[in-house]
C-alpha cells in the first residue's frame, strides 16, 4: 500500500507534495508561530485555505497512486 502512493521520483507526486506541505504549515501556525512564512504562502496562493491546499495535495497523490505504471 505504501509503495502505491509513495513515489518520490514522480514529478506528479512531488508537485502534489508542495500544496500538502504548504497547507500543513498554514494550518499549524499557532504551533510554530512563523507568521512571515505563512504570509508568504498566503500571498503566493491567493489566500487559499489550509484545508483546500491539503486536500489538493492529497488528491494529486491519490491520482498518482491510481495511475498504472
C-alpha atoms as a PDB file:
ATOM      1  CA  UNK A   1       0.000   0.000   0.000  1.00  0.00           C
ATOM      2  CA  UNK A   2       2.798   2.437   0.833  1.00  0.00           C
ATOM      3  CA  UNK A   3       4.616   1.712  -2.432  1.00  0.00           C
ATOM      4  CA  UNK A   4       1.484   2.535  -4.385  1.00  0.00           C
ATOM      5  CA  UNK A   5       1.300   6.107  -3.071  1.00  0.00           C
ATOM      6  CA  UNK A   6       4.896   6.891  -2.061  1.00  0.00           C
ATOM      7  CA  UNK A   7       6.646   7.721  -5.359  1.00  0.00           C
ATOM      8  CA  UNK A   8       9.293  10.379  -4.591  1.00  0.00           C
ATOM      9  CA  UNK A   9      10.789  10.102  -8.092  1.00  0.00           C
ATOM     10  CA  UNK A  10       7.491  11.032  -9.759  1.00  0.00           C
ATOM     11  CA  UNK A  11       7.047  14.655 -10.791  1.00  0.00           C
ATOM     12  CA  UNK A  12       3.297  14.378 -10.137  1.00  0.00           C
ATOM     13  CA  UNK A  13       3.963  13.149  -6.612  1.00  0.00           C
ATOM     14  CA  UNK A  14       6.428  15.953  -5.905  1.00  0.00           C
ATOM     15  CA  UNK A  15       4.105  18.594  -7.354  1.00  0.00           C
ATOM     16  CA  UNK A  16       1.315  17.307  -5.100  1.00  0.00           C
ATOM     17  CA  UNK A  17       3.545  17.330  -2.055  1.00  0.00           C
ATOM     18  CA  UNK A  18       4.074  21.110  -2.295  1.00  0.00           C
ATOM     19  CA  UNK A  19       0.452  22.176  -1.598  1.00  0.00           C
ATOM     20  CA  UNK A  20       0.144  19.448   1.025  1.00  0.00           C
ATOM     21  CA  UNK A  21       3.146  20.741   2.964  1.00  0.00           C
ATOM     22  CA  UNK A  22       2.146  24.377   2.440  1.00  0.00           C
ATOM     23  CA  UNK A  23      -1.318  23.612   3.822  1.00  0.00           C
ATOM     24  CA  UNK A  24       0.188  21.894   6.835  1.00  0.00           C
ATOM     25  CA  UNK A  25       2.429  24.887   7.533  1.00  0.00           C
ATOM     26  CA  UNK A  26      -0.535  27.279   7.307  1.00  0.00           C
ATOM     27  CA  UNK A  27      -2.759  25.042   9.443  1.00  0.00           C
ATOM     28  CA  UNK A  28      -0.164  24.713  12.201  1.00  0.00           C
ATOM     29  CA  UNK A  29       0.593  28.430  12.520  1.00  0.00           C
ATOM     30  CA  UNK A  30      -0.417  28.532  16.217  1.00  0.00           C
ATOM     31  CA  UNK A  31       2.077  25.755  16.938  1.00  0.00           C
ATOM     32  CA  UNK A  32       5.158  27.191  15.226  1.00  0.00           C
ATOM     33  CA  UNK A  33       4.401  30.941  15.051  1.00  0.00           C
ATOM     34  CA  UNK A  34       6.223  31.581  11.748  1.00  0.00           C
ATOM     35  CA  UNK A  35       3.962  34.408  10.606  1.00  0.00           C
ATOM     36  CA  UNK A  36       6.225  35.582   7.788  1.00  0.00           C
ATOM     37  CA  UNK A  37       6.312  32.153   6.118  1.00  0.00           C
ATOM     38  CA  UNK A  38       2.527  31.765   6.407  1.00  0.00           C
ATOM     39  CA  UNK A  39       2.021  35.265   4.997  1.00  0.00           C
ATOM     40  CA  UNK A  40       4.278  34.397   2.053  1.00  0.00           C
ATOM     41  CA  UNK A  41       2.352  31.173   1.401  1.00  0.00           C
ATOM     42  CA  UNK A  42      -0.957  33.049   1.597  1.00  0.00           C
ATOM     43  CA  UNK A  43       0.295  35.676  -0.847  1.00  0.00           C
ATOM     44  CA  UNK A  44       1.522  33.011  -3.287  1.00  0.00           C
ATOM     45  CA  UNK A  45      -1.714  31.013  -3.139  1.00  0.00           C
ATOM     46  CA  UNK A  46      -4.106  33.953  -3.175  1.00  0.00           C
ATOM     47  CA  UNK A  47      -5.339  33.320   0.347  1.00  0.00           C
ATOM     48  CA  UNK A  48      -6.381  29.722  -0.299  1.00  0.00           C
ATOM     49  CA  UNK A  49      -7.377  27.999   2.927  1.00  0.00           C
ATOM     50  CA  UNK A  50      -5.167  25.358   4.508  1.00  0.00           C
ATOM     51  CA  UNK A  51      -7.867  22.712   4.043  1.00  0.00           C
ATOM     52  CA  UNK A  52      -8.042  23.335   0.297  1.00  0.00           C
ATOM     53  CA  UNK A  53      -4.257  23.123  -0.053  1.00  0.00           C
ATOM     54  CA  UNK A  54      -4.071  19.897   1.961  1.00  0.00           C
ATOM     55  CA  UNK A  55      -6.922  18.308   0.006  1.00  0.00           C
ATOM     56  CA  UNK A  56      -5.358  19.363  -3.301  1.00  0.00           C
ATOM     57  CA  UNK A  57      -2.109  17.688  -2.325  1.00  0.00           C
ATOM     58  CA  UNK A  58      -3.861  14.523  -1.213  1.00  0.00           C
ATOM     59  CA  UNK A  59      -5.898  14.471  -4.406  1.00  0.00           C
ATOM     60  CA  UNK A  60      -2.767  14.670  -6.546  1.00  0.00           C
ATOM     61  CA  UNK A  61      -1.047  11.914  -4.599  1.00  0.00           C
ATOM     62  CA  UNK A  62      -4.179   9.756  -4.849  1.00  0.00           C
ATOM     63  CA  UNK A  63      -4.431  10.304  -8.590  1.00  0.00           C
ATOM     64  CA  UNK A  64      -0.765   9.409  -8.953  1.00  0.00           C
ATOM     65  CA  UNK A  65      -1.375   6.204  -6.999  1.00  0.00           C
ATOM     66  CA  UNK A  66      -4.307   5.325  -9.251  1.00  0.00           C
ATOM     67  CA  UNK A  67      -2.274   5.649 -12.441  1.00  0.00           C
ATOM     68  CA  UNK A  68      -0.966   2.429 -13.911  1.00  0.00           C
ATOM     69  CA  UNK A  69       2.788   2.114 -14.084  1.00  0.00           C
END
